[in-house]
Amino acid sequence: MNLETLSHTVSQIAIEAGEKILAIYNQADFNVDSKSDNSPLTAADLASHHHIVDSLKQLTPDYPILSEESAQIPFTEREQWSTYWLVDPLDGTREFIKRNDQFAILIALIHEHEPVLGVVYAPALQELWLASLGNGAYKLEGDDLVPIYTRPLANPPVIIGSSSHRDEFMPAFLANVGAHEYQTAGSIIKACRVAEGGADLYPRLGLTSEWDTAAAQIIVNEAGGHVVTTANEPLLYNTKESLLNPHFFVMGSDFHDWSQYLPK
């Protein structure tokens, strides 16, 4: 199965997982537990996780799967992987709990430390983005896949950030940038807004994990944009024991050295 065909199949898996999430989201009440790192966990996270993992195992039995809800796989095992699935079954659990619709399902295929396929599906918004290496980036509009593209840098730039929290460095960074328009969105939807040409920059100057970014990274790249660390190097995957990302920038088609605006 080629990457493009695979991306369509994975999109359907994400849509099915979204139905399971919405069945819980639309209940009058749902339980919220805490994981070992005190981050929230709901039945929706687990329902999505189990559906995606079971579906991917059937689809590609030889590819390992690393999901946020099953992340306790030692690096000694992971470093043997050349190709694997990287999954966040519910990115934006806090947004889910707040019922603000700004959460998404993220599924990426990683090959040699880089994403080569990605699907991001925001079920409450009914928005789905997908891409695979060399095949472009698309958004599902009704029954049609419509190509999406990042845009040249606007003046003033449109910067998009979190709707629920601000990284501690963000106010100083924005002040250094100067004139700009600021928008908000939840989860990795922010990066998809850059990919579809709705914003110029998503700066993340706080902690994220590898499953938070991989799917959107290939979508942004295939749409003509850039996802780089604050040292202007590409984000890479499964290169170390820790699954935390460095701080990063998601930008449109014009590569700009945004690191110059970081607070000293």
C-alpha atoms as a PDB file:
ATOM      1  CA  MET A   1       0.000   0.000   0.000  1.00  0.00           C
ATOM      2  CA  ASN A   2       1.497   3.367  -1.001  1.00  0.00           C
ATOM      3  CA  LEU A   3       1.599   6.334   1.364  1.00  0.00           C
ATOM      4  CA  GLU A   4      -1.209   8.227  -0.336  1.00  0.00           C
ATOM      5  CA  THR A   5      -3.595   5.266  -0.202  1.00  0.00           C
ATOM      6  CA  LEU A   6      -2.498   4.576   3.363  1.00  0.00           C
ATOM      7  CA  SER A   7      -3.280   8.169   4.373  1.00  0.00           C
ATOM      8  CA  HIS A   8      -6.862   7.763   3.125  1.00  0.00           C
ATOM      9  CA  THR A   9      -7.305   4.554   5.120  1.00  0.00           C
ATOM     10  CA  VAL A  10      -5.847   6.158   8.244  1.00  0.00           C
ATOM     11  CA  SER A  11      -8.196   9.115   7.795  1.00  0.00           C
ATOM     12  CA  GLN A  12     -11.137   6.722   8.015  1.00  0.00           C
ATOM     13  CA  ILE A  13      -9.664   5.191  11.193  1.00  0.00           C
ATOM     14  CA  ALA A  14      -9.413   8.695  12.688  1.00  0.00           C
ATOM     15  CA  ILE A  15     -13.019   9.473  11.756  1.00  0.00           C
ATOM     16  CA  GLU A  16     -14.180   6.257  13.429  1.00  0.00           C
ATOM     17  CA  ALA A  17     -12.162   7.113  16.550  1.00  0.00           C
ATOM     18  CA  GLY A  18     -13.763  10.554  16.470  1.00  0.00           C
ATOM     19  CA  GLU A  19     -17.211   8.989  16.612  1.00  0.00           C
ATOM     20  CA  LYS A  20     -16.207   7.145  19.778  1.00  0.00           C
ATOM     21  CA  ILE A  21     -14.863  10.355  21.310  1.00  0.00           C
ATOM     22  CA  LEU A  22     -18.003  12.337  20.468  1.00  0.00           C
ATOM     23  CA  ALA A  23     -20.245   9.644  21.961  1.00  0.00           C
ATOM     24  CA  ILE A  24     -18.579  10.391  25.312  1.00  0.00           C
ATOM     25  CA  TYR A  25     -18.205  14.153  24.695  1.00  0.00           C
ATOM     26  CA  ASN A  26     -21.933  14.506  24.123  1.00  0.00           C
ATOM     27  CA  GLN A  27     -22.852  12.796  27.393  1.00  0.00           C
ATOM     28  CA  ALA A  28     -24.172  15.001  30.182  1.00  0.00           C
ATOM     29  CA  ASP A  29     -21.170  14.069  32.331  1.00  0.00           C
ATOM     30  CA  PHE A  30     -17.980  12.008  32.132  1.00  0.00           C
ATOM     31  CA  ASN A  31     -15.264  11.009  34.589  1.00  0.00           C
ATOM     32  CA  VAL A  32     -11.820  12.587  34.531  1.00  0.00           C
ATOM     33  CA  ASP A  33      -8.878  10.694  36.016  1.00  0.00           C
ATOM     34  CA  SER A  34      -5.255  11.803  36.428  1.00  0.00           C
ATOM     35  CA  LYS A  35      -2.233  10.109  34.897  1.00  0.00           C
ATOM     36  CA  SER A  36       1.098   9.782  36.715  1.00  0.00           C
ATOM     37  CA  ASP A  37       2.178  13.207  35.434  1.00  0.00           C
ATOM     38  CA  ASN A  38      -1.121  14.727  36.683  1.00  0.00           C
ATOM     39  CA  SER A  39      -2.376  15.288  33.130  1.00  0.00           C
ATOM     40  CA  PRO A  40      -6.070  14.453  32.681  1.00  0.00           C
ATOM     41  CA  LEU A  41      -7.352  11.183  31.220  1.00  0.00           C
ATOM     42  CA  THR A  42     -10.910  10.409  30.146  1.00  0.00           C
ATOM     43  CA  ALA A  43     -12.742   7.386  28.791  1.00  0.00           C
ATOM     44  CA  ALA A  44     -12.621   9.151  25.415  1.00  0.00           C
ATOM     45  CA  ASP A  45      -8.796   9.029  25.376  1.00  0.00           C
ATOM     46  CA  LEU A  46      -8.896   5.291  25.988  1.00  0.00           C
ATOM     47  CA  ALA A  47     -11.743   4.523  23.565  1.00  0.00           C
ATOM     48  CA  SER A  48      -9.899   6.381  20.795  1.00  0.00           C
ATOM     49  CA  HIS A  49      -6.590   4.747  21.725  1.00  0.00           C
ATOM     50  CA  HIS A  50      -7.967   1.217  21.583  1.00  0.00           C
ATOM     51  CA  HIS A  51      -9.754   1.764  18.275  1.00  0.00           C
ATOM     52  CA  ILE A  52      -6.732   3.316  16.583  1.00  0.00           C
ATOM     53  CA  VAL A  53      -4.229   0.769  17.902  1.00  0.00           C
ATOM     54  CA  ASP A  54      -6.417  -2.214  17.008  1.00  0.00           C
ATOM     55  CA  SER A  55      -7.075  -0.797  13.518  1.00  0.00           C
ATOM     56  CA  LEU A  56      -3.409  -0.033  12.810  1.00  0.00           C
ATOM     57  CA  LYS A  57      -2.365  -3.506  13.984  1.00  0.00           C
ATOM     58  CA  GLN A  58      -4.744  -5.007  11.430  1.00  0.00           C
ATOM     59  CA  LEU A  59      -3.655  -2.592   8.721  1.00  0.00           C
ATOM     60  CA  THR A  60       0.128  -2.923   9.158  1.00  0.00           C
ATOM     61  CA  PRO A  61       0.910  -5.792  11.531  1.00  0.00           C
ATOM     62  CA  ASP A  62       4.684  -5.336  11.163  1.00  0.00           C
ATOM     63  CA  TYR A  63       4.799  -1.687  12.255  1.00  0.00           C
ATOM     64  CA  PRO A  64       5.164  -0.955  15.988  1.00  0.00           C
ATOM     65  CA  ILE A  65       2.800   1.618  17.530  1.00  0.00           C
ATOM     66  CA  LEU A  66       3.715   4.277  20.070  1.00  0.00           C
ATOM     67  CA  SER A  67       0.657   5.974  21.564  1.00  0.00           C
ATOM     68  CA  GLU A  68       0.468   8.549  24.318  1.00  0.00           C
ATOM     69  CA  GLU A  69      -1.667   6.092  26.264  1.00  0.00           C
ATOM     70  CA  SER A  70       0.909   3.282  25.924  1.00  0.00           C
ATOM     71  CA  ALA A  71       4.153   5.231  25.987  1.00  0.00           C
ATOM     72  CA  GLN A  72       6.120   3.101  28.460  1.00  0.00           C
ATOM     73  CA  ILE A  73       8.293   1.478  25.813  1.00  0.00           C
ATOM     74  CA  PRO A  74      12.020   1.732  26.650  1.00  0.00           C
ATOM     75  CA  PHE A  75      14.344   3.456  24.206  1.00  0.00           C
ATOM     76  CA  THR A  76      16.440   0.297  23.982  1.00  0.00           C
ATOM     77  CA  GLU A  77      13.451  -1.231  22.188  1.00  0.00           C
ATOM     78  CA  ARG A  78      12.312   1.893  20.337  1.00  0.00           C
ATOM     79  CA  GLU A  79      15.740   2.650  18.890  1.00  0.00           C
ATOM     80  CA  GLN A  80      15.478  -0.556  16.844  1.00  0.00           C
ATOM     81  CA  TRP A  81      12.467   0.843  14.979  1.00  0.00           C
ATOM     82  CA  SER A  82      12.980   2.338  11.532  1.00  0.00           C
ATOM     83  CA  THR A  83       9.253   2.702  10.774  1.00  0.00           C
ATOM     84  CA  TYR A  84       6.448   3.004  13.331  1.00  0.00           C
ATOM     85  CA  TRP A  85       3.119   4.658  14.076  1.00  0.00           C
ATOM     86  CA  LEU A  86       3.039   7.614  16.479  1.00  0.00           C
ATOM     87  CA  VAL A  87      -0.405   8.366  17.891  1.00  0.00           C
ATOM     88  CA  ASP A  88      -2.095  10.867  20.148  1.00  0.00           C
ATOM     89  CA  PRO A  89      -5.631   9.482  20.467  1.00  0.00           C
ATOM     90  CA  LEU A  90      -6.923  12.740  21.990  1.00  0.00           C
ATOM     91  CA  ASP A  91      -4.741  15.830  21.742  1.00  0.00           C
ATOM     92  CA  GLY A  92      -6.226  18.559  23.892  1.00  0.00           C
ATOM     93  CA  THR A  93      -7.845  16.581  26.700  1.00  0.00           C
ATOM     94  CA  ARG A  94      -8.115  19.809  28.699  1.00  0.00           C
ATOM     95  CA  GLU A  95     -10.015  21.371  25.776  1.00  0.00           C
ATOM     96  CA  PHE A  96     -12.243  18.283  25.705  1.00  0.00           C
ATOM     97  CA  ILE A  97     -12.996  18.688  29.412  1.00  0.00           C
ATOM     98  CA  LYS A  98     -13.789  22.388  28.896  1.00  0.00           C
ATOM     99  CA  ARG A  99     -16.114  21.368  26.027  1.00  0.00           C
ATOM    100  CA  ASN A 100     -14.705  24.024  23.691  1.00  0.00           C
ATOM    101  CA  ASP A 101     -14.407  21.647  20.687  1.00  0.00           C
ATOM    102  CA  GLN A 102     -10.664  22.404  20.232  1.00  0.00           C
ATOM    103  CA  PHE A 103      -9.292  18.844  20.420  1.00  0.00           C
ATOM    104  CA  ALA A 104      -8.014  16.435  17.798  1.00  0.00           C
ATOM    105  CA  ILE A 105      -6.891  12.918  16.932  1.00  0.00           C
ATOM    106  CA  LEU A 106      -3.313  12.682  15.640  1.00  0.00           C
ATOM    107  CA  ILE A 107      -1.890   9.727  13.701  1.00  0.00           C
ATOM    108  CA  ALA A 108       1.554   9.835  12.080  1.00  0.00           C
ATOM    109  CA  LEU A 109       3.784   7.314  10.370  1.00  0.00           C
ATOM    110  CA  ILE A 110       7.463   7.861  11.193  1.00  0.00           C
ATOM    111  CA  HIS A 111      10.273   6.560   8.964  1.00  0.00           C
ATOM    112  CA  GLU A 112      13.932   7.104   9.826  1.00  0.00           C
ATOM    113  CA  HIS A 113      13.103   9.742  12.457  1.00  0.00           C
ATOM    114  CA  GLU A 114      10.840  11.864  10.216  1.00  0.00           C
ATOM    115  CA  PRO A 115       7.063  11.870   9.659  1.00  0.00           C
ATOM    116  CA  VAL A 116       6.056  10.595   6.208  1.00  0.00           C
ATOM    117  CA  LEU A 117       2.274  10.471   6.734  1.00  0.00           C
ATOM    118  CA  GLY A 118      -0.017  12.444   8.991  1.00  0.00           C
ATOM    119  CA  VAL A 119      -3.712  12.758   9.769  1.00  0.00           C
ATOM    120  CA  VAL A 120      -5.200  15.346  12.127  1.00  0.00           C
ATOM    121  CA  TYR A 121      -8.926  15.109  12.798  1.00  0.00           C
ATOM    122  CA  ALA A 122     -10.878  17.522  15.009  1.00  0.00           C
ATOM    123  CA  PRO A 123     -14.149  15.603  15.446  1.00  0.00           C
ATOM    124  CA  ALA A 124     -16.185  18.300  17.202  1.00  0.00           C
ATOM    125  CA  LEU A 125     -15.229  20.797  14.480  1.00  0.00           C
ATOM    126  CA  GLN A 126     -15.626  18.173  11.726  1.00  0.00           C
ATOM    127  CA  GLU A 127     -12.279  19.235  10.246  1.00  0.00           C
ATOM    128  CA  LEU A 128      -9.723  16.762   8.895  1.00  0.00           C
ATOM    129  CA  TRP A 129      -6.275  17.420   7.429  1.00  0.00           C
ATOM    130  CA  LEU A 130      -3.937  14.832   5.903  1.00  0.00           C
ATOM    131  CA  ALA A 131      -0.673  14.560   4.024  1.00  0.00           C
ATOM    132  CA  SER A 132       1.938  12.054   2.932  1.00  0.00           C
ATOM    133  CA  LEU A 133       5.472  12.528   1.718  1.00  0.00           C
ATOM    134  CA  GLY A 134       5.602  13.868  -1.833  1.00  0.00           C
ATOM    135  CA  ASN A 135       1.813  13.847  -2.275  1.00  0.00           C
ATOM    136  CA  GLY A 136       0.818  17.271  -0.936  1.00  0.00           C
ATOM    137  CA  ALA A 137      -1.437  18.308   1.937  1.00  0.00           C
ATOM    138  CA  TYR A 138      -5.226  18.259   1.900  1.00  0.00           C
ATOM    139  CA  LYS A 139      -8.295  19.184   3.912  1.00  0.00           C
ATOM    140  CA  LEU A 140     -11.510  17.208   3.727  1.00  0.00           C
ATOM    141  CA  GLU A 141     -14.326  19.483   2.516  1.00  0.00           C
ATOM    142  CA  GLY A 142     -17.521  17.463   2.420  1.00  0.00           C
ATOM    143  CA  ASP A 143     -16.562  14.383   0.403  1.00  0.00           C
ATOM    144  CA  ASP A 144     -13.713  16.123  -1.418  1.00  0.00           C
ATOM    145  CA  LEU A 145     -10.023  16.392  -0.555  1.00  0.00           C
ATOM    146  CA  VAL A 146      -8.992  19.982  -1.281  1.00  0.00           C
ATOM    147  CA  PRO A 147      -5.273  20.883  -1.547  1.00  0.00           C
ATOM    148  CA  ILE A 148      -4.057  23.311   1.106  1.00  0.00           C
ATOM    149  CA  TYR A 149      -1.039  25.613   1.064  1.00  0.00           C
ATOM    150  CA  THR A 150       0.759  27.809   3.524  1.00  0.00           C
ATOM    151  CA  ARG A 151       0.977  31.494   2.659  1.00  0.00           C
ATOM    152  CA  PRO A 152       3.792  34.045   2.342  1.00  0.00           C
ATOM    153  CA  LEU A 153       4.508  36.015   5.502  1.00  0.00           C
ATOM    154  CA  ALA A 154       1.948  38.782   6.047  1.00  0.00           C
ATOM    155  CA  ASN A 155       2.737  42.226   7.404  1.00  0.00           C
ATOM    156  CA  PRO A 156       1.834  42.389  10.216  1.00  0.00           C
ATOM    157  CA  PRO A 157       2.097  38.630  10.800  1.00  0.00           C
ATOM    158  CA  VAL A 158      -0.766  36.560  12.170  1.00  0.00           C
ATOM    159  CA  ILE A 159       0.520  34.577  15.141  1.00  0.00           C
ATOM    160  CA  ILE A 160      -1.569  31.765  16.596  1.00  0.00           C
ATOM    161  CA  GLY A 161      -1.259  30.392  20.121  1.00  0.00           C
ATOM    162  CA  SER A 162      -3.039  28.416  22.782  1.00  0.00           C
ATOM    163  CA  SER A 163      -6.610  29.167  23.766  1.00  0.00           C
ATOM    164  CA  SER A 164      -6.067  27.719  27.254  1.00  0.00           C
ATOM    165  CA  HIS A 165      -2.540  28.646  28.368  1.00  0.00           C
ATOM    166  CA  ARG A 166       0.439  30.827  27.524  1.00  0.00           C
ATOM    167  CA  ASP A 167       4.021  29.641  27.573  1.00  0.00           C
ATOM    168  CA  GLU A 168       6.041  31.717  30.037  1.00  0.00           C
ATOM    169  CA  PHE A 169       8.256  33.123  27.267  1.00  0.00           C
ATOM    170  CA  MET A 170       5.394  34.047  24.947  1.00  0.00           C
ATOM    171  CA  PRO A 171       4.640  37.602  26.190  1.00  0.00           C
ATOM    172  CA  ALA A 172       8.284  38.677  25.812  1.00  0.00           C
ATOM    173  CA  PHE A 173       8.538  36.945  22.437  1.00  0.00           C
ATOM    174  CA  LEU A 174       5.430  38.701  21.119  1.00  0.00           C
ATOM    175  CA  ALA A 175       6.679  42.041  22.427  1.00  0.00           C
ATOM    176  CA  ASN A 176       9.959  41.526  20.560  1.00  0.00           C
ATOM    177  CA  VAL A 177       8.127  40.637  17.338  1.00  0.00           C
ATOM    178  CA  GLY A 178       6.280  43.947  17.499  1.00  0.00           C
ATOM    179  CA  ALA A 179       3.115  44.590  15.498  1.00  0.00           C
ATOM    180  CA  HIS A 180       1.120  41.392  14.912  1.00  0.00           C
ATOM    181  CA  GLU A 181      -2.374  39.928  15.006  1.00  0.00           C
ATOM    182  CA  TYR A 182      -2.899  37.238  17.633  1.00  0.00           C
ATOM    183  CA  GLN A 183      -5.325  34.347  17.211  1.00  0.00           C
ATOM    184  CA  THR A 184      -6.038  31.367  19.448  1.00  0.00           C
ATOM    185  CA  ALA A 185      -6.891  27.718  18.914  1.00  0.00           C
ATOM    186  CA  GLY A 186      -6.557  24.495  20.878  1.00  0.00           C
ATOM    187  CA  SER A 187      -4.351  21.426  20.496  1.00  0.00           C
ATOM    188  CA  ILE A 188      -2.315  20.996  17.289  1.00  0.00           C
ATOM    189  CA  ILE A 189      -5.136  22.632  15.324  1.00  0.00           C
ATOM    190  CA  LYS A 190      -2.922  25.732  15.558  1.00  0.00           C
ATOM    191  CA  ALA A 191      -0.357  24.156  13.229  1.00  0.00           C
ATOM    192  CA  CYS A 192      -3.090  23.126  10.804  1.00  0.00           C
ATOM    193  CA  ARG A 193      -4.280  26.741  10.624  1.00  0.00           C
ATOM    194  CA  VAL A 194      -0.769  27.642   9.463  1.00  0.00           C
ATOM    195  CA  ALA A 195      -0.826  24.754   6.968  1.00  0.00           C
ATOM    196  CA  GLU A 196      -4.077  25.968   5.388  1.00  0.00           C
ATOM    197  CA  GLY A 197      -2.874  29.562   5.111  1.00  0.00           C
ATOM    198  CA  GLY A 198      -4.880  31.036   7.974  1.00  0.00           C
ATOM    199  CA  ALA A 199      -1.888  32.102  10.077  1.00  0.00           C
ATOM    200  CA  ASP A 200       1.814  32.819   9.631  1.00  0.00           C
ATOM    201  CA  LEU A 201       3.368  31.440  12.814  1.00  0.00           C
ATOM    202  CA  TYR A 202       2.639  29.072  15.661  1.00  0.00           C
ATOM    203  CA  PRO A 203       5.435  29.410  18.229  1.00  0.00           C
ATOM    204  CA  ARG A 204       5.544  26.719  20.926  1.00  0.00           C
ATOM    205  CA  LEU A 205       7.860  27.816  23.698  1.00  0.00           C
ATOM    206  CA  GLY A 206       6.790  25.191  26.198  1.00  0.00           C
ATOM    207  CA  LEU A 207       6.836  21.431  26.607  1.00  0.00           C
ATOM    208  CA  THR A 208       5.206  19.068  24.124  1.00  0.00           C
ATOM    209  CA  SER A 209       5.715  15.386  23.357  1.00  0.00           C
ATOM    210  CA  GLU A 210       6.587  13.788  20.043  1.00  0.00           C
ATOM    211  CA  TRP A 211       3.045  12.483  19.488  1.00  0.00           C
ATOM    212  CA  ASP A 212       1.770  16.073  19.741  1.00  0.00           C
ATOM    213  CA  THR A 213       3.571  17.290  16.614  1.00  0.00           C
ATOM    214  CA  ALA A 214       4.433  14.543  14.121  1.00  0.00           C
ATOM    215  CA  ALA A 215       1.130  14.337  12.219  1.00  0.00           C
ATOM    216  CA  ALA A 216       0.875  18.108  11.794  1.00  0.00           C
ATOM    217  CA  GLN A 217       4.551  18.422  10.856  1.00  0.00           C
ATOM    218  CA  ILE A 218       4.185  16.444   7.619  1.00  0.00           C
ATOM    219  CA  ILE A 219       0.957  18.331   6.843  1.00  0.00           C
ATOM    220  CA  VAL A 220       2.706  21.692   7.254  1.00  0.00           C
ATOM    221  CA  ASN A 221       5.742  20.519   5.282  1.00  0.00           C
ATOM    222  CA  GLU A 222       3.662  19.197   2.395  1.00  0.00           C
ATOM    223  CA  ALA A 223       1.647  22.439   2.386  1.00  0.00           C
ATOM    224  CA  GLY A 224       4.892  24.340   1.793  1.00  0.00           C
ATOM    225  CA  GLY A 225       5.649  25.417   5.347  1.00  0.00           C
ATOM    226  CA  HIS A 226       8.344  24.710   7.907  1.00  0.00           C
ATOM    227  CA  VAL A 227       8.464  23.130  11.368  1.00  0.00           C
ATOM    228  CA  VAL A 228      11.782  23.801  13.100  1.00  0.00           C
ATOM    229  CA  THR A 229      13.283  23.985  16.555  1.00  0.00           C
ATOM    230  CA  THR A 230      14.282  27.369  17.944  1.00  0.00           C
ATOM    231  CA  ALA A 231      17.766  26.507  16.604  1.00  0.00           C
ATOM    232  CA  ASN A 232      16.170  26.335  13.117  1.00  0.00           C
ATOM    233  CA  GLU A 233      16.670  22.585  12.828  1.00  0.00           C
ATOM    234  CA  PRO A 234      13.930  20.102  11.843  1.00  0.00           C
ATOM    235  CA  LEU A 235      12.032  18.301  14.581  1.00  0.00           C
ATOM    236  CA  LEU A 236      13.170  14.667  14.648  1.00  0.00           C
ATOM    237  CA  TYR A 237      11.570  11.648  16.283  1.00  0.00           C
ATOM    238  CA  ASN A 238      12.700   8.665  18.352  1.00  0.00           C
ATOM    239  CA  THR A 239      16.306   9.833  18.625  1.00  0.00           C
ATOM    240  CA  LYS A 240      16.607   9.746  22.438  1.00  0.00           C
ATOM    241  CA  GLU A 241      15.235   8.305  25.672  1.00  0.00           C
ATOM    242  CA  SER A 242      12.988  11.299  26.329  1.00  0.00           C
ATOM    243  CA  LEU A 243       9.898  11.739  24.166  1.00  0.00           C
ATOM    244  CA  LEU A 244       9.736  15.480  24.855  1.00  0.00           C
ATOM    245  CA  ASN A 245      10.188  17.941  21.990  1.00  0.00           C
ATOM    246  CA  PRO A 246      12.404  21.000  22.100  1.00  0.00           C
ATOM    247  CA  HIS A 247      10.659  24.355  21.703  1.00  0.00           C
ATOM    248  CA  PHE A 248       9.696  24.952  18.064  1.00  0.00           C
ATOM    249  CA  PHE A 249       8.196  27.220  15.416  1.00  0.00           C
ATOM    250  CA  VAL A 250       5.573  26.300  12.812  1.00  0.00           C
ATOM    251  CA  MET A 251       5.695  28.819   9.971  1.00  0.00           C
ATOM    252  CA  GLY A 252       4.346  29.384   6.488  1.00  0.00           C
ATOM    253  CA  SER A 253       6.043  29.327   3.098  1.00  0.00           C
ATOM    254  CA  ASP A 254       8.520  32.131   3.837  1.00  0.00           C
ATOM    255  CA  PHE A 255      11.289  30.822   6.075  1.00  0.00           C
ATOM    256  CA  HIS A 256      11.928  33.480   8.719  1.00  0.00           C
ATOM    257  CA  ASP A 257      14.391  33.353  11.614  1.00  0.00           C
ATOM    258  CA  TRP A 258      11.883  33.798  14.428  1.00  0.00           C
ATOM    259  CA  SER A 259      14.534  32.830  16.994  1.00  0.00           C
ATOM    260  CA  GLN A 260      15.874  36.387  16.861  1.00  0.00           C
ATOM    261  CA  TYR A 261      12.806  37.497  18.838  1.00  0.00           C
ATOM    262  CA  LEU A 262      13.293  35.031  21.701  1.00  0.00           C
ATOM    263  CA  PRO A 263      13.878  36.709  25.065  1.00  0.00           C
ATOM    264  CA  LYS A 264      17.556  36.692  26.032  1.00  0.00           C
END
